Amino acid sequence: MQRRHRLSRSRDFDAVYRRGTSASTRYLVLHWFPREQDEAGDPRLGLAVPRSVGSAVVRNRVKRVLRETWRELLPEVPPGHDYVLVARPGLAEPAQARGPEWLAAEVSGVLERVRS
């Protein structure tokens, strides 16, 4: 995922959390917020993987897989929004056991709620 498609500043995360909307599944929570300045611009993603998900190695692996999944789903993502994808505890085991197709279906399920 390219740098222009990422959220990196704390104030951007805070804006999405405070003024945005959220949808959740068993393993993921997606927060989103429409940008006023750049309504047709590329969507930006921030990842939040808390310590309760696992050790640093596990969290980094989850982030890597989520970034790759998001990159594959980028054509389906509505433009002009900032997103924060939060992993919930218990995501690492099924993501590794069931594979990337399962994770893509989970992320797509949360994205469906953004489109509706």
C-alpha atoms as a PDB file:
ATOM      1  CA  MET A   1       0.000   0.000   0.000  1.00  0.00           C
ATOM      2  CA  GLN A   2       1.425   3.350  -1.022  1.00  0.00           C
ATOM      3  CA  ARG A   3       2.083   6.094   1.475  1.00  0.00           C
ATOM      4  CA  ARG A   4      -0.623   8.334   0.035  1.00  0.00           C
ATOM      5  CA  HIS A   5      -3.168   5.640   0.912  1.00  0.00           C
ATOM      6  CA  ARG A   6      -2.234   5.603   4.634  1.00  0.00           C
ATOM      7  CA  LEU A   7      -3.226   7.515   7.727  1.00  0.00           C
ATOM      8  CA  SER A   8      -0.209   8.159   9.892  1.00  0.00           C
ATOM      9  CA  ARG A   9      -0.913  11.192  12.061  1.00  0.00           C
ATOM     10  CA  SER A  10      -2.584  10.903  15.421  1.00  0.00           C
ATOM     11  CA  ARG A  11      -4.891  13.823  14.612  1.00  0.00           C
ATOM     12  CA  ASP A  12      -6.172  11.997  11.502  1.00  0.00           C
ATOM     13  CA  PHE A  13      -6.987   8.915  13.586  1.00  0.00           C
ATOM     14  CA  ASP A  14      -8.691  11.107  16.190  1.00  0.00           C
ATOM     15  CA  ALA A  15     -10.807  12.847  13.539  1.00  0.00           C
ATOM     16  CA  VAL A  16     -12.016   9.512  12.192  1.00  0.00           C
ATOM     17  CA  TYR A  17     -12.806   8.200  15.675  1.00  0.00           C
ATOM     18  CA  ARG A  18     -14.581  11.361  16.879  1.00  0.00           C
ATOM     19  CA  ARG A  19     -16.508  12.511  13.835  1.00  0.00           C
ATOM     20  CA  GLY A  20     -16.801   9.290  11.865  1.00  0.00           C
ATOM     21  CA  THR A  21     -19.137   6.336  11.752  1.00  0.00           C
ATOM     22  CA  SER A  22     -18.323   2.732  12.570  1.00  0.00           C
ATOM     23  CA  ALA A  23     -19.386  -0.786  11.713  1.00  0.00           C
ATOM     24  CA  SER A  24     -18.144  -4.007  13.237  1.00  0.00           C
ATOM     25  CA  THR A  25     -17.972  -7.747  12.871  1.00  0.00           C
ATOM     26  CA  ARG A  26     -16.719 -10.382  15.275  1.00  0.00           C
ATOM     27  CA  TYR A  27     -13.072  -9.721  14.390  1.00  0.00           C
ATOM     28  CA  LEU A  28     -12.934  -6.209  12.870  1.00  0.00           C
ATOM     29  CA  VAL A  29     -14.204  -2.690  13.487  1.00  0.00           C
ATOM     30  CA  LEU A  30     -14.145  -0.182  10.627  1.00  0.00           C
ATOM     31  CA  HIS A  31     -14.386   3.548  11.359  1.00  0.00           C
ATOM     32  CA  TRP A  32     -14.801   5.937   8.433  1.00  0.00           C
ATOM     33  CA  PHE A  33     -15.084   9.648   7.894  1.00  0.00           C
ATOM     34  CA  PRO A  34     -15.712  11.574   4.630  1.00  0.00           C
ATOM     35  CA  ARG A  35     -13.092  14.197   3.802  1.00  0.00           C
ATOM     36  CA  GLU A  36     -14.563  17.563   2.836  1.00  0.00           C
ATOM     37  CA  GLN A  37     -11.495  18.878   1.011  1.00  0.00           C
ATOM     38  CA  ASP A  38     -10.911  15.844  -1.224  1.00  0.00           C
ATOM     39  CA  GLU A  39     -14.225  14.139  -1.969  1.00  0.00           C
ATOM     40  CA  ALA A  40     -12.960  12.290  -5.063  1.00  0.00           C
ATOM     41  CA  GLY A  41      -9.495  11.518  -3.710  1.00  0.00           C
ATOM     42  CA  ASP A  42      -8.000   8.157  -2.913  1.00  0.00           C
ATOM     43  CA  PRO A  43      -9.216   6.481   0.276  1.00  0.00           C
ATOM     44  CA  ARG A  44      -6.726   6.438   3.148  1.00  0.00           C
ATOM     45  CA  LEU A  45      -6.392   3.644   5.707  1.00  0.00           C
ATOM     46  CA  GLY A  46      -5.061   3.548   9.234  1.00  0.00           C
ATOM     47  CA  LEU A  47      -4.615   0.275  11.098  1.00  0.00           C
ATOM     48  CA  ALA A  48      -5.019  -0.232  14.827  1.00  0.00           C
ATOM     49  CA  VAL A  49      -3.947  -3.605  16.179  1.00  0.00           C
ATOM     50  CA  PRO A  50      -4.001  -3.536  19.997  1.00  0.00           C
ATOM     51  CA  ARG A  51      -1.761  -5.567  22.275  1.00  0.00           C
ATOM     52  CA  SER A  52      -4.655  -7.842  23.139  1.00  0.00           C
ATOM     53  CA  VAL A  53      -4.371  -9.352  19.643  1.00  0.00           C
ATOM     54  CA  GLY A  54      -1.007 -10.900  20.487  1.00  0.00           C
ATOM     55  CA  SER A  55       2.713 -10.374  20.689  1.00  0.00           C
ATOM     56  CA  ALA A  56       4.552  -7.848  18.519  1.00  0.00           C
ATOM     57  CA  VAL A  57       5.309 -10.536  15.939  1.00  0.00           C
ATOM     58  CA  VAL A  58       1.632 -11.512  15.725  1.00  0.00           C
ATOM     59  CA  ARG A  59       0.454  -7.885  15.550  1.00  0.00           C
ATOM     60  CA  ASN A  60       2.907  -7.062  12.761  1.00  0.00           C
ATOM     61  CA  ARG A  61       1.813 -10.134  10.816  1.00  0.00           C
ATOM     62  CA  VAL A  62      -1.845  -9.118  11.206  1.00  0.00           C
ATOM     63  CA  LYS A  63      -1.033  -5.592   9.996  1.00  0.00           C
ATOM     64  CA  ARG A  64       0.847  -6.938   6.992  1.00  0.00           C
ATOM     65  CA  VAL A  65      -2.030  -9.211   5.993  1.00  0.00           C
ATOM     66  CA  LEU A  66      -4.635  -6.471   6.529  1.00  0.00           C
ATOM     67  CA  ARG A  67      -2.657  -4.008   4.375  1.00  0.00           C
ATOM     68  CA  GLU A  68      -2.384  -6.580   1.596  1.00  0.00           C
ATOM     69  CA  THR A  69      -6.091  -7.385   1.798  1.00  0.00           C
ATOM     70  CA  TRP A  70      -6.998  -3.690   1.736  1.00  0.00           C
ATOM     71  CA  ARG A  71      -4.772  -3.150  -1.309  1.00  0.00           C
ATOM     72  CA  GLU A  72      -6.595  -5.923  -3.167  1.00  0.00           C
ATOM     73  CA  LEU A  73      -9.996  -4.465  -2.228  1.00  0.00           C
ATOM     74  CA  LEU A  74      -9.040  -0.856  -3.039  1.00  0.00           C
ATOM     75  CA  PRO A  75     -11.147  -0.698  -6.243  1.00  0.00           C
ATOM     76  CA  GLU A  76     -14.248  -1.522  -4.159  1.00  0.00           C
ATOM     77  CA  VAL A  77     -13.549   1.090  -1.473  1.00  0.00           C
ATOM     78  CA  PRO A  78     -15.572   4.323  -1.754  1.00  0.00           C
ATOM     79  CA  PRO A  79     -13.235   7.269  -2.508  1.00  0.00           C
ATOM     80  CA  GLY A  80     -12.899  10.460  -0.508  1.00  0.00           C
ATOM     81  CA  HIS A  81     -12.955   8.818   2.912  1.00  0.00           C
ATOM     82  CA  ASP A  82     -10.491   8.131   5.700  1.00  0.00           C
ATOM     83  CA  TYR A  83     -10.746   4.686   7.282  1.00  0.00           C
ATOM     84  CA  VAL A  84      -9.402   3.135  10.465  1.00  0.00           C
ATOM     85  CA  LEU A  85      -9.531  -0.654  10.600  1.00  0.00           C
ATOM     86  CA  VAL A  86      -9.279  -2.002  14.152  1.00  0.00           C
ATOM     87  CA  ALA A  87      -8.445  -5.656  14.739  1.00  0.00           C
ATOM     88  CA  ARG A  88     -10.177  -7.345  17.639  1.00  0.00           C
ATOM     89  CA  PRO A  89      -8.631 -10.038  19.836  1.00  0.00           C
ATOM     90  CA  GLY A  90      -8.864 -13.457  18.260  1.00  0.00           C
ATOM     91  CA  LEU A  91      -8.314 -12.309  14.660  1.00  0.00           C
ATOM     92  CA  ALA A  92      -4.799 -13.713  14.272  1.00  0.00           C
ATOM     93  CA  GLU A  93      -5.661 -17.401  14.618  1.00  0.00           C
ATOM     94  CA  PRO A  94      -8.516 -17.634  12.073  1.00  0.00           C
ATOM     95  CA  ALA A  95      -6.709 -15.295   9.661  1.00  0.00           C
ATOM     96  CA  GLN A  96      -3.744 -17.644   9.616  1.00  0.00           C
ATOM     97  CA  ALA A  97      -5.765 -20.875   9.608  1.00  0.00           C
ATOM     98  CA  ARG A  98      -8.432 -19.891   7.053  1.00  0.00           C
ATOM     99  CA  GLY A  99      -6.221 -17.894   4.726  1.00  0.00           C
ATOM    100  CA  PRO A 100      -6.348 -14.591   2.877  1.00  0.00           C
ATOM    101  CA  GLU A 101      -9.662 -15.346   1.145  1.00  0.00           C
ATOM    102  CA  TRP A 102     -11.431 -15.515   4.501  1.00  0.00           C
ATOM    103  CA  LEU A 103      -9.862 -12.250   5.641  1.00  0.00           C
ATOM    104  CA  ALA A 104     -10.828 -10.559   2.369  1.00  0.00           C
ATOM    105  CA  ALA A 105     -14.420 -11.706   2.920  1.00  0.00           C
ATOM    106  CA  GLU A 106     -14.359 -10.291   6.483  1.00  0.00           C
ATOM    107  CA  VAL A 107     -13.059  -6.907   5.317  1.00  0.00           C
ATOM    108  CA  SER A 108     -15.537  -6.876   2.412  1.00  0.00           C
ATOM    109  CA  GLY A 109     -18.355  -7.556   4.862  1.00  0.00           C
ATOM    110  CA  VAL A 110     -17.447  -4.494   6.890  1.00  0.00           C
ATOM    111  CA  LEU A 111     -17.040  -2.401   3.720  1.00  0.00           C
ATOM    112  CA  GLU A 112     -20.566  -3.351   2.646  1.00  0.00           C
ATOM    113  CA  ARG A 113     -21.863  -1.349   5.576  1.00  0.00           C
ATOM    114  CA  VAL A 114     -19.969   1.729   4.375  1.00  0.00           C
ATOM    115  CA  ARG A 115     -21.574   1.528   0.941  1.00  0.00           C
ATOM    116  CA  SER A 116     -25.090   1.201   2.330  1.00  0.00           C
END
